[in-house]
Amino acid sequence: MLTLQIPTISCGHCARAITEAVHELDPDARVEVDIDHKKAAIDSRAATADILARLDEEGFTATEV
């Protein structure tokens, strides 16, 4: 399980965009976004570096917790 801190999460639209971006890499990934704590928990077969790069492309700079 990958846990990411994503400071720019602010709403449900952000949560959907993050989820969709991860699903583009791994359609079977489980993604849980916590808007209040600005974190995402991701269970995926995709490489962490690929997930971070894809989120960055969407405007979400993330760091692993």
N, C-alpha and C. Protein backbone atom coordinates (compact mmCIF):
# COMPACT_ATOMS: atom_id res chain seq x y z
N MET A 1 0.85 -1.18 0.00
CA MET A 1 0.00 0.00 0.00
C MET A 1 0.89 1.24 0.00
N LEU A 2 0.62 2.11 -0.93
CA LEU A 2 1.36 3.36 -1.07
C LEU A 2 0.53 4.48 -0.45
N THR A 3 1.12 5.25 0.44
CA THR A 3 0.44 6.39 1.04
C THR A 3 1.16 7.65 0.58
N LEU A 4 0.37 8.56 0.02
CA LEU A 4 0.94 9.80 -0.51
C LEU A 4 0.34 11.01 0.18
N GLN A 5 1.18 11.99 0.44
CA GLN A 5 0.73 13.30 0.91
C GLN A 5 0.61 14.17 -0.33
N ILE A 6 -0.59 14.75 -0.54
CA ILE A 6 -0.83 15.56 -1.73
C ILE A 6 -1.44 16.89 -1.27
N PRO A 7 -0.61 17.91 -1.03
CA PRO A 7 -1.08 19.16 -0.43
C PRO A 7 -2.15 19.90 -1.22
N THR A 8 -2.24 19.67 -2.52
CA THR A 8 -3.18 20.44 -3.34
C THR A 8 -4.58 19.83 -3.43
N ILE A 9 -4.83 18.72 -2.73
CA ILE A 9 -6.18 18.16 -2.70
C ILE A 9 -7.08 19.13 -1.95
N SER A 10 -8.19 19.51 -2.60
CA SER A 10 -9.09 20.45 -1.92
C SER A 10 -10.57 20.11 -2.07
N CYS A 11 -10.90 19.14 -2.95
CA CYS A 11 -12.32 18.90 -3.18
C CYS A 11 -12.55 17.52 -3.81
N GLY A 12 -13.80 17.20 -4.01
CA GLY A 12 -14.16 15.94 -4.62
C GLY A 12 -13.66 15.81 -6.05
N HIS A 13 -13.59 16.93 -6.77
CA HIS A 13 -13.06 16.89 -8.13
C HIS A 13 -11.60 16.44 -8.11
N CYS A 14 -10.84 16.94 -7.15
CA CYS A 14 -9.44 16.53 -7.01
C CYS A 14 -9.36 15.02 -6.76
N ALA A 15 -10.20 14.53 -5.87
CA ALA A 15 -10.20 13.10 -5.55
C ALA A 15 -10.51 12.26 -6.78
N ARG A 16 -11.48 12.69 -7.57
CA ARG A 16 -11.82 11.96 -8.80
C ARG A 16 -10.66 12.00 -9.80
N ALA A 17 -10.03 13.16 -9.95
CA ALA A 17 -8.92 13.29 -10.90
C ALA A 17 -7.76 12.39 -10.50
N ILE A 18 -7.46 12.32 -9.21
CA ILE A 18 -6.39 11.46 -8.72
C ILE A 18 -6.72 10.00 -8.97
N THR A 19 -7.95 9.62 -8.65
CA THR A 19 -8.38 8.24 -8.85
C THR A 19 -8.31 7.85 -10.32
N GLU A 20 -8.80 8.72 -11.20
CA GLU A 20 -8.79 8.43 -12.64
C GLU A 20 -7.36 8.34 -13.17
N ALA A 21 -6.48 9.20 -12.68
CA ALA A 21 -5.08 9.18 -13.14
C ALA A 21 -4.42 7.85 -12.77
N VAL A 22 -4.66 7.38 -11.55
CA VAL A 22 -4.08 6.10 -11.14
C VAL A 22 -4.69 4.96 -11.94
N HIS A 23 -6.00 5.02 -12.18
CA HIS A 23 -6.67 3.95 -12.94
C HIS A 23 -6.20 3.89 -14.39
N GLU A 24 -5.69 4.99 -14.92
CA GLU A 24 -5.12 4.96 -16.27
C GLU A 24 -3.88 4.06 -16.30
N LEU A 25 -3.14 4.03 -15.20
CA LEU A 25 -1.94 3.18 -15.10
C LEU A 25 -2.30 1.74 -14.72
N ASP A 26 -3.28 1.59 -13.85
CA ASP A 26 -3.68 0.28 -13.34
C ASP A 26 -5.19 0.31 -13.08
N PRO A 27 -5.97 -0.20 -14.03
CA PRO A 27 -7.43 -0.16 -13.89
C PRO A 27 -7.95 -0.90 -12.65
N ASP A 28 -7.17 -1.81 -12.11
CA ASP A 28 -7.60 -2.58 -10.94
C ASP A 28 -7.13 -1.97 -9.62
N ALA A 29 -6.47 -0.85 -9.66
CA ALA A 29 -5.94 -0.22 -8.45
C ALA A 29 -7.07 0.18 -7.51
N ARG A 30 -6.78 0.10 -6.21
CA ARG A 30 -7.69 0.63 -5.20
C ARG A 30 -7.12 1.97 -4.75
N VAL A 31 -7.96 2.99 -4.82
CA VAL A 31 -7.52 4.35 -4.47
C VAL A 31 -8.50 4.93 -3.46
N GLU A 32 -7.97 5.36 -2.33
CA GLU A 32 -8.78 6.03 -1.30
C GLU A 32 -8.17 7.39 -1.05
N VAL A 33 -8.93 8.44 -1.32
CA VAL A 33 -8.45 9.80 -1.15
C VAL A 33 -9.11 10.41 0.09
N ASP A 34 -8.29 10.93 0.98
CA ASP A 34 -8.75 11.60 2.19
C ASP A 34 -8.54 13.10 2.00
N ILE A 35 -9.62 13.78 1.63
CA ILE A 35 -9.53 15.21 1.32
C ILE A 35 -9.10 16.01 2.55
N ASP A 36 -9.68 15.70 3.70
CA ASP A 36 -9.39 16.46 4.93
C ASP A 36 -7.91 16.40 5.32
N HIS A 37 -7.29 15.23 5.17
CA HIS A 37 -5.89 15.06 5.56
C HIS A 37 -4.93 15.19 4.38
N LYS A 38 -5.51 15.44 3.19
CA LYS A 38 -4.72 15.64 1.97
C LYS A 38 -3.79 14.46 1.69
N LYS A 39 -4.37 13.25 1.79
CA LYS A 39 -3.60 12.03 1.56
C LYS A 39 -4.35 11.10 0.62
N ALA A 40 -3.60 10.22 -0.01
CA ALA A 40 -4.18 9.18 -0.85
C ALA A 40 -3.50 7.86 -0.51
N ALA A 41 -4.31 6.83 -0.33
CA ALA A 41 -3.81 5.47 -0.12
C ALA A 41 -4.08 4.70 -1.41
N ILE A 42 -3.04 4.13 -1.97
CA ILE A 42 -3.15 3.49 -3.28
C ILE A 42 -2.58 2.08 -3.20
N ASP A 43 -3.40 1.13 -3.62
CA ASP A 43 -2.97 -0.26 -3.72
C ASP A 43 -2.95 -0.58 -5.21
N SER A 44 -1.76 -0.65 -5.80
CA SER A 44 -1.64 -0.77 -7.25
C SER A 44 -0.42 -1.60 -7.62
N ARG A 45 -0.51 -2.19 -8.80
CA ARG A 45 0.65 -2.91 -9.35
C ARG A 45 1.59 -1.98 -10.10
N ALA A 46 1.14 -0.75 -10.35
CA ALA A 46 1.97 0.22 -11.06
C ALA A 46 3.12 0.66 -10.16
N ALA A 47 4.23 1.00 -10.76
CA ALA A 47 5.40 1.45 -10.02
C ALA A 47 5.13 2.80 -9.37
N THR A 48 5.68 2.99 -8.18
CA THR A 48 5.50 4.24 -7.45
C THR A 48 5.94 5.43 -8.30
N ALA A 49 7.07 5.32 -8.96
CA ALA A 49 7.58 6.42 -9.78
C ALA A 49 6.60 6.77 -10.89
N ASP A 50 5.95 5.77 -11.47
CA ASP A 50 4.97 6.02 -12.53
C ASP A 50 3.73 6.74 -11.97
N ILE A 51 3.30 6.33 -10.80
CA ILE A 51 2.14 6.97 -10.16
C ILE A 51 2.46 8.42 -9.85
N LEU A 52 3.63 8.66 -9.25
CA LEU A 52 4.03 10.02 -8.92
C LEU A 52 4.13 10.90 -10.17
N ALA A 53 4.68 10.36 -11.23
CA ALA A 53 4.82 11.11 -12.48
C ALA A 53 3.45 11.42 -13.08
N ARG A 54 2.55 10.44 -13.05
CA ARG A 54 1.20 10.65 -13.62
C ARG A 54 0.43 11.69 -12.82
N LEU A 55 0.52 11.64 -11.50
CA LEU A 55 -0.15 12.64 -10.68
C LEU A 55 0.43 14.03 -10.91
N ASP A 56 1.74 14.10 -11.07
CA ASP A 56 2.39 15.37 -11.35
C ASP A 56 1.89 15.97 -12.66
N GLU A 57 1.68 15.11 -13.67
CA GLU A 57 1.14 15.57 -14.95
C GLU A 57 -0.26 16.18 -14.77
N GLU A 58 -1.00 15.70 -13.79
CA GLU A 58 -2.34 16.20 -13.50
C GLU A 58 -2.31 17.43 -12.58
N GLY A 59 -1.12 17.82 -12.14
CA GLY A 59 -1.00 19.00 -11.28
C GLY A 59 -1.00 18.69 -9.80
N PHE A 60 -0.82 17.42 -9.44
CA PHE A 60 -0.81 17.01 -8.04
C PHE A 60 0.57 16.53 -7.66
N THR A 61 1.37 17.40 -7.07
CA THR A 61 2.68 17.02 -6.60
C THR A 61 2.52 16.22 -5.31
N ALA A 62 3.00 15.00 -5.32
CA ALA A 62 2.80 14.10 -4.19
C ALA A 62 4.15 13.63 -3.64
N THR A 63 4.16 13.36 -2.34
CA THR A 63 5.33 12.78 -1.71
C THR A 63 4.90 11.54 -0.95
N GLU A 64 5.75 10.54 -0.95
CA GLU A 64 5.45 9.30 -0.25
C GLU A 64 5.58 9.53 1.26
N VAL A 65 4.61 9.00 2.00
CA VAL A 65 4.60 9.14 3.46
C VAL A 65 5.13 7.87 4.08
